[in-house]
Amino acid sequence: MAGSKLALTRETLKFLAGQLNNTDRLGIVCYDNVVTTSLPLCVMDSQNKNLALNVIDKITEGGSTDLSGGLCKGIGEIARFQR
């Protein structure tokens, strides 16, 4: 994903993060040919909301798309938080 699609995705994520409060949780997993947890699942207090916005600004396009790897990493984040 690149160009206007990526810009729209970033804007949508910023809107989403802005709607969350301290009873909500957000985590961001980015993936191309490498899967990374850019923001571990966390409570959306004001500090983490600012952190999320900074992470969102740094999302860039990459190589191929490891969709299953991204999904597995995201599921792992949820499982980690539930322990």
C-alpha atoms as a PDB file:
ATOM      1  CA  MET A   1       0.000   0.000   0.000  1.00  0.00           C
ATOM      2  CA  ALA A   2       1.454   3.348  -0.950  1.00  0.00           C
ATOM      3  CA  GLY A   3       0.564   6.907  -1.879  1.00  0.00           C
ATOM      4  CA  SER A   4      -2.975   8.082  -1.268  1.00  0.00           C
ATOM      5  CA  LYS A   5      -4.121   4.710   0.119  1.00  0.00           C
ATOM      6  CA  LEU A   6      -1.440   4.788   2.813  1.00  0.00           C
ATOM      7  CA  ALA A   7      -2.180   8.449   3.606  1.00  0.00           C
ATOM      8  CA  LEU A   8      -5.890   7.648   3.991  1.00  0.00           C
ATOM      9  CA  THR A   9      -5.039   4.674   6.217  1.00  0.00           C
ATOM     10  CA  ARG A  10      -2.911   6.913   8.461  1.00  0.00           C
ATOM     11  CA  GLU A  11      -5.677   9.524   8.705  1.00  0.00           C
ATOM     12  CA  THR A  12      -8.238   6.828   9.549  1.00  0.00           C
ATOM     13  CA  LEU A  13      -5.978   5.407  12.261  1.00  0.00           C
ATOM     14  CA  LYS A  14      -5.471   8.881  13.736  1.00  0.00           C
ATOM     15  CA  PHE A  15      -9.236   9.413  13.803  1.00  0.00           C
ATOM     16  CA  LEU A  16      -9.714   6.034  15.480  1.00  0.00           C
ATOM     17  CA  ALA A  17      -7.035   6.746  18.090  1.00  0.00           C
ATOM     18  CA  GLY A  18      -8.639  10.118  18.804  1.00  0.00           C
ATOM     19  CA  GLN A  19     -11.976   8.445  19.584  1.00  0.00           C
ATOM     20  CA  LEU A  20     -10.522   6.050  22.166  1.00  0.00           C
ATOM     21  CA  ASN A  21     -10.365   6.690  25.906  1.00  0.00           C
ATOM     22  CA  ASN A  22      -8.720   5.124  28.955  1.00  0.00           C
ATOM     23  CA  THR A  23     -11.143   2.181  28.955  1.00  0.00           C
ATOM     24  CA  ASP A  24     -10.039   1.211  25.431  1.00  0.00           C
ATOM     25  CA  ARG A  25      -6.928  -0.597  24.214  1.00  0.00           C
ATOM     26  CA  LEU A  26      -5.005  -0.264  20.979  1.00  0.00           C
ATOM     27  CA  GLY A  27      -2.053  -2.068  19.477  1.00  0.00           C
ATOM     28  CA  ILE A  28      -0.468  -1.581  16.076  1.00  0.00           C
ATOM     29  CA  VAL A  29       1.156  -4.386  14.108  1.00  0.00           C
ATOM     30  CA  CYS A  30       2.867  -3.423  10.846  1.00  0.00           C
ATOM     31  CA  TYR A  31       3.793  -5.970   8.239  1.00  0.00           C
ATOM     32  CA  ASP A  32       5.344  -6.277   4.842  1.00  0.00           C
ATOM     33  CA  ASN A  33       7.937  -9.012   4.381  1.00  0.00           C
ATOM     34  CA  VAL A  34       8.793  -8.381   8.071  1.00  0.00           C
ATOM     35  CA  VAL A  35       6.217  -8.266  10.879  1.00  0.00           C
ATOM     36  CA  THR A  36       6.731  -5.809  13.744  1.00  0.00           C
ATOM     37  CA  THR A  37       4.725  -4.735  16.749  1.00  0.00           C
ATOM     38  CA  SER A  38       4.952  -0.966  16.345  1.00  0.00           C
ATOM     39  CA  LEU A  39       2.762  -0.314  19.390  1.00  0.00           C
ATOM     40  CA  PRO A  40       2.206  -3.089  21.923  1.00  0.00           C
ATOM     41  CA  LEU A  41      -1.410  -3.412  23.010  1.00  0.00           C
ATOM     42  CA  CYS A  42      -1.947  -0.743  25.678  1.00  0.00           C
ATOM     43  CA  VAL A  43      -4.606   1.298  27.451  1.00  0.00           C
ATOM     44  CA  MET A  44      -5.369   4.517  25.570  1.00  0.00           C
ATOM     45  CA  ASP A  45      -4.609   7.068  28.247  1.00  0.00           C
ATOM     46  CA  SER A  46      -3.337  10.464  27.060  1.00  0.00           C
ATOM     47  CA  GLN A  47       0.325   9.385  27.082  1.00  0.00           C
ATOM     48  CA  ASN A  48      -0.300   6.223  25.038  1.00  0.00           C
ATOM     49  CA  LYS A  49      -2.644   8.093  22.696  1.00  0.00           C
ATOM     50  CA  ASN A  50       0.202  10.505  21.859  1.00  0.00           C
ATOM     51  CA  LEU A  51       2.530   7.533  21.407  1.00  0.00           C
ATOM     52  CA  ALA A  52       0.018   5.897  19.046  1.00  0.00           C
ATOM     53  CA  LEU A  53      -0.229   9.071  16.963  1.00  0.00           C
ATOM     54  CA  ASN A  54       3.565   9.192  16.657  1.00  0.00           C
ATOM     55  CA  VAL A  55       3.674   5.522  15.621  1.00  0.00           C
ATOM     56  CA  ILE A  56       0.954   6.098  13.029  1.00  0.00           C
ATOM     57  CA  ASP A  57       2.909   9.002  11.509  1.00  0.00           C
ATOM     58  CA  LYS A  58       5.908   6.696  11.021  1.00  0.00           C
ATOM     59  CA  ILE A  59       4.076   3.929   9.146  1.00  0.00           C
ATOM     60  CA  THR A  60       5.603   3.519   5.685  1.00  0.00           C
ATOM     61  CA  GLU A  61       5.118   1.195   2.753  1.00  0.00           C
ATOM     62  CA  GLY A  62       7.371  -1.819   2.459  1.00  0.00           C
ATOM     63  CA  GLY A  63       7.925  -4.909   0.377  1.00  0.00           C
ATOM     64  CA  SER A  64       5.636  -7.894   0.079  1.00  0.00           C
ATOM     65  CA  THR A  65       2.648  -8.506   2.360  1.00  0.00           C
ATOM     66  CA  ASP A  66       2.890 -11.133   5.114  1.00  0.00           C
ATOM     67  CA  LEU A  67      -0.800 -10.943   6.011  1.00  0.00           C
ATOM     68  CA  SER A  68      -0.831 -14.213   7.981  1.00  0.00           C
ATOM     69  CA  GLY A  69       2.256 -13.133   9.934  1.00  0.00           C
ATOM     70  CA  GLY A  70       0.599  -9.832  10.816  1.00  0.00           C
ATOM     71  CA  LEU A  71      -2.564 -11.609  11.912  1.00  0.00           C
ATOM     72  CA  CYS A  72      -0.626 -14.064  14.089  1.00  0.00           C
ATOM     73  CA  LYS A  73       1.353 -11.228  15.702  1.00  0.00           C
ATOM     74  CA  GLY A  74      -1.876  -9.345  16.437  1.00  0.00           C
ATOM     75  CA  ILE A  75      -3.476 -12.425  17.989  1.00  0.00           C
ATOM     76  CA  GLY A  76      -0.333 -12.840  20.089  1.00  0.00           C
ATOM     77  CA  GLU A  77      -0.675  -9.284  21.366  1.00  0.00           C
ATOM     78  CA  ILE A  78      -4.252  -9.931  22.457  1.00  0.00           C
ATOM     79  CA  ALA A  79      -3.272 -13.193  24.141  1.00  0.00           C
ATOM     80  CA  ARG A  80      -0.371 -11.471  25.926  1.00  0.00           C
ATOM     81  CA  PHE A  81      -2.693  -8.786  27.308  1.00  0.00           C
ATOM     82  CA  GLN A  82      -5.256 -11.309  28.559  1.00  0.00           C
ATOM     83  CA  ARG A  83      -2.765 -13.174  30.759  1.00  0.00           C
END
